Amino acid sequence: MDLEKGPREEPGGEGRLAVALRVPVRIVVLVLVVPVRMVWDALVVAGRFLGDRMFRPVGRALLWVGRAVLVWPFVALWRWVLVPLWRWVLVPLGVASRWLGTVLVVVPAAALYRWVLTPLGHAAVWFCARVLTPLGRGLFVVPAVWLYRWVLTPVGHALLWCGRGLAWLGSLLVTGIGTALYWTVRVLVVLPAYAVWRWLLAPVGRALAVVAREVGAAFGHAWRIAGYISLAVGRALAFFFRWTLVEPARWVYRTVLTPVGHVVRDAVLRPVAEAARSVGRVTRDALRSVRVTARQVRRDVRRALGMPAGPAGIGRRERRPAGR
């Protein structure tokens, strides 16, 4: 039933104070928060752009550099120096030292304990049991029992009774002094402090709490509204930038530069490329014919001078004197 009626109003002066403060505080906070939120959103966008385009690649590069400079040398040192040193040098050295310690210390100590100290201990126990115990009983036990029974016990009872009396007297004094101090502190400190708290600090604290709650709610409300305003402004700027720069540039590229580029490609660049390819083919053919002609001329000159035409002719000319 209460949910159907909506939220309840705060009773008393706090509710009226909250209602009186809510609207002006929210207006002032909204005016102050909107520029801050817009600047914050701009910084967030710039930070994301810089983080994606600059900081993240730089961080990755620094990470790789740090691995190459710091991590990998220590890993190599651990894997190829320290582990083999531990496995092949320190472990055998530890085994050898443990064996030497066992042979030089543990075995002699065990023999000394077993064959020297144990018999001496048994002899000392036998001496104490057979000699010192009867002697101590005859010299010390009987006088000690008589002293405890007839001297120390009555004295202890008397001291205990005196201590109980002193404790009762002390508790009585402490109770009286504590009661007097309690009422003194209550009258002089507690009651004034309670009055100040109840009639001064509590109302002021409640009023400050209401003001702080309303200011906090106003900041939250203004921050959300400023987010919507900043989003709208950002979309408006993006729309303006798109239709004033991006779309005209796209239109110029699509309707002017692309046809001009096609015309230049078809009318100028493609014929120039074809001509260059033709010139290259003609040049290669001319050079090929020149090389063939030069080779034929060299062959004719050698034939006219009686020189061998090639390596086979040289071999035959050199083998003729040997045949003779």
Protein backbone atom coordinates (compact mmCIF):
# COMPACT_ATOMS: atom_id res chain seq x y z
CA MET A 1 0.00 0.00 0.00
CA ASP A 2 2.84 2.37 0.76
CA LEU A 3 4.48 1.61 -2.58
CA GLU A 4 1.42 2.77 -4.48
CA LYS A 5 1.44 6.12 -2.76
CA GLY A 6 5.04 6.81 -3.77
CA PRO A 7 8.03 7.70 -1.57
CA ARG A 8 7.34 9.23 1.78
CA GLU A 9 8.41 12.75 2.59
CA GLU A 10 10.93 13.23 5.36
CA PRO A 11 9.14 14.42 8.48
CA GLY A 12 10.07 17.43 10.50
CA GLY A 13 12.46 20.25 9.80
CA GLU A 14 14.97 18.04 7.99
CA GLY A 15 12.49 17.32 5.17
CA ARG A 16 11.64 20.99 4.71
CA LEU A 17 15.34 21.89 4.78
CA ALA A 18 16.08 19.23 2.13
CA VAL A 19 13.23 20.44 -0.10
CA ALA A 20 14.39 24.05 0.26
CA LEU A 21 17.99 23.18 -0.60
CA ARG A 22 17.41 20.63 -3.37
CA VAL A 23 16.55 22.81 -6.40
CA PRO A 24 19.08 25.69 -5.95
CA VAL A 25 21.89 23.30 -5.01
CA ARG A 26 21.22 21.15 -8.08
CA ILE A 27 21.13 24.20 -10.37
CA VAL A 28 24.42 25.58 -9.02
CA VAL A 29 26.11 22.18 -9.08
CA LEU A 30 24.87 21.53 -12.64
CA VAL A 31 26.32 24.85 -13.84
CA LEU A 32 29.64 23.98 -12.19
CA VAL A 33 29.77 20.32 -13.22
CA VAL A 34 28.86 20.55 -16.94
CA PRO A 35 32.22 22.14 -18.03
CA VAL A 36 34.12 19.72 -15.80
CA ARG A 37 32.29 16.74 -17.30
CA MET A 38 32.88 17.94 -20.85
CA VAL A 39 36.58 18.44 -20.16
CA TRP A 40 36.67 15.03 -18.48
CA ASP A 41 35.06 13.32 -21.49
CA ALA A 42 37.46 15.09 -23.85
CA LEU A 43 40.42 13.95 -21.75
CA VAL A 44 39.03 10.39 -21.69
CA VAL A 45 38.74 10.32 -25.48
CA ALA A 46 42.23 11.80 -25.89
CA GLY A 47 43.63 9.36 -23.36
CA ARG A 48 42.06 6.38 -25.13
CA PHE A 49 43.40 7.58 -28.49
CA LEU A 50 46.90 8.15 -27.09
CA GLY A 51 46.78 4.85 -25.23
CA ASP A 52 45.79 2.91 -28.35
CA ARG A 53 48.08 4.72 -30.76
CA MET A 54 51.15 5.59 -28.71
CA PHE A 55 51.32 4.33 -25.14
CA ARG A 56 50.39 0.71 -25.87
CA PRO A 57 52.97 0.23 -28.70
CA VAL A 58 55.60 2.07 -26.67
CA GLY A 59 54.74 -0.09 -23.66
CA ARG A 60 55.06 -3.25 -25.72
CA ALA A 61 58.40 -2.09 -27.10
CA LEU A 62 59.64 -1.24 -23.62
CA LEU A 63 58.39 -4.63 -22.40
CA TRP A 64 60.37 -6.41 -25.07
CA VAL A 65 63.42 -4.27 -24.37
CA GLY A 66 63.09 -4.98 -20.64
CA ARG A 67 62.83 -8.69 -21.32
CA ALA A 68 65.83 -8.61 -23.62
CA VAL A 69 67.93 -6.53 -21.23
CA LEU A 70 66.83 -7.76 -17.80
CA VAL A 71 64.91 -11.05 -17.95
CA TRP A 72 66.60 -13.10 -20.63
CA PRO A 73 70.19 -12.57 -19.35
CA PHE A 74 69.15 -13.68 -15.85
CA VAL A 75 67.26 -16.67 -17.29
CA ALA A 76 70.32 -17.64 -19.30
CA LEU A 77 72.55 -17.14 -16.24
CA TRP A 78 70.23 -19.31 -14.15
CA ARG A 79 69.82 -22.02 -16.78
CA TRP A 80 73.35 -22.27 -18.14
CA VAL A 81 75.52 -21.21 -15.16
CA LEU A 82 73.87 -21.53 -11.75
CA VAL A 83 71.94 -24.76 -12.32
CA PRO A 84 74.95 -26.64 -13.76
CA LEU A 85 77.15 -25.19 -11.00
CA TRP A 86 74.69 -26.39 -8.34
CA ARG A 87 74.16 -29.76 -9.97
CA TRP A 88 77.73 -30.66 -10.83
CA VAL A 89 79.78 -28.81 -8.19
CA LEU A 90 77.84 -27.84 -5.07
CA VAL A 91 75.78 -31.02 -4.69
CA PRO A 92 78.83 -33.37 -4.87
CA LEU A 93 80.69 -31.00 -2.56
CA GLY A 94 77.78 -31.13 -0.07
CA VAL A 95 77.69 -34.93 -0.21
CA ALA A 96 81.41 -35.11 0.40
CA SER A 97 81.24 -32.64 3.30
CA ARG A 98 78.33 -34.57 4.85
CA TRP A 99 80.31 -37.81 4.61
CA LEU A 100 83.36 -36.15 6.18
CA GLY A 101 81.21 -34.68 8.97
CA THR A 102 79.69 -38.08 9.67
CA VAL A 103 83.08 -39.78 9.75
CA LEU A 104 84.94 -37.09 11.68
CA VAL A 105 82.24 -35.82 14.10
CA VAL A 106 79.13 -38.00 14.37
CA VAL A 107 80.82 -41.39 14.71
CA PRO A 108 83.36 -40.25 17.38
CA ALA A 109 80.61 -38.39 19.29
CA ALA A 110 78.36 -41.47 19.27
CA ALA A 111 81.23 -43.66 20.47
CA LEU A 112 82.08 -41.16 23.23
CA TYR A 113 78.41 -41.03 24.34
CA ARG A 114 78.00 -44.81 24.26
CA TRP A 115 81.25 -45.96 25.84
CA VAL A 116 82.18 -43.03 28.14
CA LEU A 117 79.30 -40.73 29.08
CA THR A 118 76.65 -43.46 29.51
CA PRO A 119 78.70 -45.51 32.01
CA LEU A 120 79.61 -42.32 33.91
CA GLY A 121 75.92 -41.34 34.07
CA HIS A 122 74.92 -44.77 35.38
CA ALA A 123 77.64 -44.58 38.01
CA ALA A 124 76.49 -41.11 39.09
CA VAL A 125 72.87 -42.29 39.37
CA TRP A 126 73.92 -45.30 41.45
CA PHE A 127 76.01 -43.08 43.74
CA CYS A 128 73.14 -40.62 44.26
CA ALA A 129 70.64 -43.40 44.93
CA ARG A 130 72.79 -45.44 47.26
CA VAL A 131 74.73 -42.75 49.13
CA LEU A 132 73.32 -39.22 48.84
CA THR A 133 69.60 -40.06 49.18
CA PRO A 134 69.83 -41.72 52.67
CA LEU A 135 72.20 -39.01 53.81
CA GLY A 136 69.84 -36.24 52.68
CA ARG A 137 66.84 -37.86 54.33
CA GLY A 138 68.65 -38.13 57.66
CA LEU A 139 70.06 -34.60 57.69
CA PHE A 140 67.38 -32.43 55.96
CA VAL A 141 63.92 -34.01 55.62
CA VAL A 142 62.90 -34.37 59.32
CA PRO A 143 63.92 -30.82 60.40
CA ALA A 144 62.29 -29.37 57.28
CA VAL A 145 58.97 -31.11 58.00
CA TRP A 146 59.03 -29.93 61.64
CA LEU A 147 59.80 -26.33 60.55
CA TYR A 148 56.99 -26.35 57.94
CA ARG A 149 54.39 -27.79 60.36
CA TRP A 150 55.06 -25.76 63.54
CA VAL A 151 56.51 -22.49 62.24
CA LEU A 152 55.71 -21.70 58.62
CA THR A 153 52.08 -22.92 58.62
CA PRO A 154 50.92 -20.72 61.60
CA VAL A 155 52.84 -17.74 60.24
CA GLY A 156 51.24 -18.24 56.80
CA HIS A 157 47.75 -18.43 58.32
CA ALA A 158 48.35 -15.22 60.23
CA LEU A 159 49.65 -13.44 57.12
CA LEU A 160 46.67 -14.68 55.12
CA TRP A 161 44.22 -13.33 57.69
CA CYS A 162 46.01 -9.96 57.74
CA GLY A 163 46.03 -9.86 53.95
CA ARG A 164 42.28 -10.51 53.80
CA GLY A 165 41.64 -7.69 56.25
CA LEU A 166 43.84 -5.30 54.30
CA ALA A 167 42.15 -6.31 51.04
CA TRP A 168 38.68 -5.68 52.53
CA LEU A 169 39.80 -2.28 53.82
CA GLY A 170 41.38 -1.39 50.49
CA SER A 171 38.28 -2.46 48.55
CA LEU A 172 36.15 -0.32 50.86
CA LEU A 173 38.38 2.70 50.29
CA VAL A 174 38.51 2.14 46.55
CA THR A 175 34.74 1.75 46.34
CA GLY A 176 34.17 4.99 48.23
CA ILE A 177 36.72 6.94 46.23
CA GLY A 178 35.40 5.48 42.95
CA THR A 179 31.81 6.38 43.82
CA ALA A 180 32.83 9.95 44.68
CA LEU A 181 34.84 10.30 41.48
CA TYR A 182 32.00 8.79 39.43
CA TRP A 183 29.43 11.30 40.63
CA THR A 184 31.91 14.17 40.37
CA VAL A 185 32.76 13.31 36.75
CA ARG A 186 29.11 12.68 35.94
CA VAL A 187 27.98 16.03 37.32
CA LEU A 188 30.89 18.12 36.04
CA VAL A 189 31.67 16.46 32.69
CA VAL A 190 29.14 13.89 31.47
CA LEU A 191 25.91 15.81 32.02
CA PRO A 192 27.21 19.07 30.42
CA ALA A 193 28.70 17.14 27.53
CA TYR A 194 25.43 15.25 27.03
CA ALA A 195 23.48 18.49 27.09
CA VAL A 196 25.84 20.09 24.54
CA TRP A 197 25.58 17.01 22.33
CA ARG A 198 21.80 16.73 22.55
CA TRP A 199 20.83 20.37 22.20
CA LEU A 200 23.68 21.75 20.04
CA LEU A 201 25.85 19.23 18.22
CA ALA A 202 23.13 16.75 17.24
CA PRO A 203 20.87 19.34 15.51
CA VAL A 204 23.87 20.92 13.79
CA GLY A 205 25.13 17.49 12.72
CA ARG A 206 21.72 16.53 11.36
CA ALA A 207 21.52 19.78 9.41
CA LEU A 208 25.05 19.28 8.04
CA ALA A 209 24.18 15.68 7.15
CA VAL A 210 21.11 16.86 5.23
CA VAL A 211 23.19 19.48 3.42
CA ALA A 212 25.94 16.97 2.63
CA ARG A 213 23.40 14.39 1.42
CA GLU A 214 21.69 16.91 -0.83
CA VAL A 215 25.01 18.18 -2.18
CA GLY A 216 26.14 14.61 -2.90
CA ALA A 217 22.85 13.76 -4.59
CA ALA A 218 23.06 17.00 -6.57
CA PHE A 219 26.60 16.15 -7.71
CA GLY A 220 25.50 12.69 -8.83
CA HIS A 221 22.45 14.03 -10.63
CA ALA A 222 24.46 16.83 -12.24
CA TRP A 223 27.22 14.42 -13.28
CA ARG A 224 24.69 12.19 -15.07
CA ILE A 225 22.99 15.16 -16.76
CA ALA A 226 26.40 16.56 -17.74
CA GLY A 227 27.23 13.19 -19.29
CA TYR A 228 24.15 13.38 -21.47
CA ILE A 229 24.95 16.99 -22.38
CA SER A 230 28.56 16.10 -23.17
CA LEU A 231 27.40 13.17 -25.30
CA ALA A 232 25.01 15.42 -27.20
CA VAL A 233 27.71 18.07 -27.72
CA GLY A 234 30.16 15.41 -28.88
CA ARG A 235 27.66 13.99 -31.35
CA ALA A 236 26.87 17.51 -32.60
CA LEU A 237 30.59 18.23 -33.11
CA ALA A 238 31.04 14.88 -34.84
CA PHE A 239 28.04 15.64 -37.10
CA PHE A 240 29.37 19.13 -37.87
CA PHE A 241 32.89 17.80 -38.57
CA ARG A 242 31.47 15.04 -40.78
CA TRP A 243 29.27 17.28 -42.88
CA THR A 244 31.74 20.18 -43.12
CA LEU A 245 34.99 18.26 -43.72
CA VAL A 246 34.63 14.51 -44.16
CA GLU A 247 31.65 14.37 -46.52
CA PRO A 248 32.89 17.24 -48.77
CA ALA A 249 36.30 15.62 -48.93
CA ARG A 250 34.71 12.26 -49.75
CA TRP A 251 32.51 13.90 -52.39
CA VAL A 252 35.51 15.68 -53.95
CA TYR A 253 37.49 12.42 -53.93
CA ARG A 254 34.62 10.40 -55.36
CA THR A 255 33.27 12.84 -57.97
CA VAL A 256 36.36 14.84 -58.96
CA LEU A 257 39.65 13.18 -58.05
CA THR A 258 38.65 9.61 -58.92
CA PRO A 259 37.44 10.42 -62.49
CA VAL A 260 40.44 12.71 -63.05
CA GLY A 261 42.72 9.94 -61.83
CA HIS A 262 41.03 7.43 -64.14
CA VAL A 263 41.38 9.84 -67.08
CA VAL A 264 45.04 10.49 -66.27
CA ARG A 265 45.63 6.76 -65.89
CA ASP A 266 43.89 5.86 -69.14
CA ALA A 267 45.02 8.85 -71.26
CA VAL A 268 48.53 9.50 -69.95
CA LEU A 269 50.00 6.86 -67.67
CA ARG A 270 48.87 3.77 -69.55
CA PRO A 271 50.10 5.01 -72.99
CA VAL A 272 53.37 6.15 -71.41
CA ALA A 273 53.76 2.74 -69.80
CA GLU A 274 52.97 0.99 -73.09
CA ALA A 275 55.47 3.24 -74.90
CA ALA A 276 58.09 2.54 -72.26
CA ARG A 277 57.48 -1.20 -72.57
CA SER A 278 57.71 -0.95 -76.37
CA VAL A 279 60.95 1.03 -76.14
CA GLY A 280 62.28 -1.57 -73.73
CA ARG A 281 61.37 -4.41 -76.07
CA VAL A 282 62.92 -2.62 -79.05
CA THR A 283 66.05 -1.84 -77.05
CA ARG A 284 66.36 -5.48 -75.90
CA ASP A 285 65.87 -6.73 -79.46
CA ALA A 286 68.48 -4.25 -80.76
CA LEU A 287 70.95 -5.25 -78.10
CA ARG A 288 70.30 -8.93 -78.79
CA SER A 289 70.88 -8.40 -82.53
CA VAL A 290 74.03 -6.40 -81.80
CA ARG A 291 75.36 -9.19 -79.60
CA VAL A 292 74.58 -11.78 -82.26
CA THR A 293 76.22 -9.66 -84.95
CA ALA A 294 79.33 -9.07 -82.80
CA ARG A 295 79.59 -12.79 -82.08
CA GLN A 296 79.31 -13.58 -85.81
CA VAL A 297 81.94 -10.94 -86.67
CA ARG A 298 84.36 -12.36 -84.09
CA ARG A 299 83.82 -15.85 -85.49
CA ASP A 300 84.45 -14.66 -89.08
CA VAL A 301 87.59 -12.72 -88.06
CA ARG A 302 89.01 -15.76 -86.27
CA ARG A 303 88.19 -17.98 -89.21
CA ALA A 304 89.86 -15.50 -91.61
CA LEU A 305 93.00 -15.32 -89.43
CA GLY A 306 93.20 -19.07 -89.04
CA MET A 307 92.54 -18.94 -85.31
CA PRO A 308 90.44 -21.61 -83.60
CA ALA A 309 86.77 -20.75 -83.25
CA GLY A 310 86.45 -21.87 -79.66
CA PRO A 311 87.76 -24.12 -76.87
CA ALA A 312 87.20 -27.24 -79.03
CA GLY A 313 89.33 -25.80 -81.84
CA ILE A 314 92.08 -24.90 -79.40
CA GLY A 315 92.12 -28.45 -78.10
CA ARG A 316 92.40 -29.89 -81.64
CA ARG A 317 95.22 -27.45 -82.58
CA GLU A 318 97.14 -28.38 -79.44
CA ARG A 319 96.68 -32.14 -80.02
CA ARG A 320 97.99 -32.10 -83.60
CA PRO A 321 101.74 -31.81 -82.68
CA ALA A 322 101.38 -34.62 -80.21
CA GLY A 323 99.88 -36.83 -82.98
CA ARG A 324 102.82 -36.13 -85.22
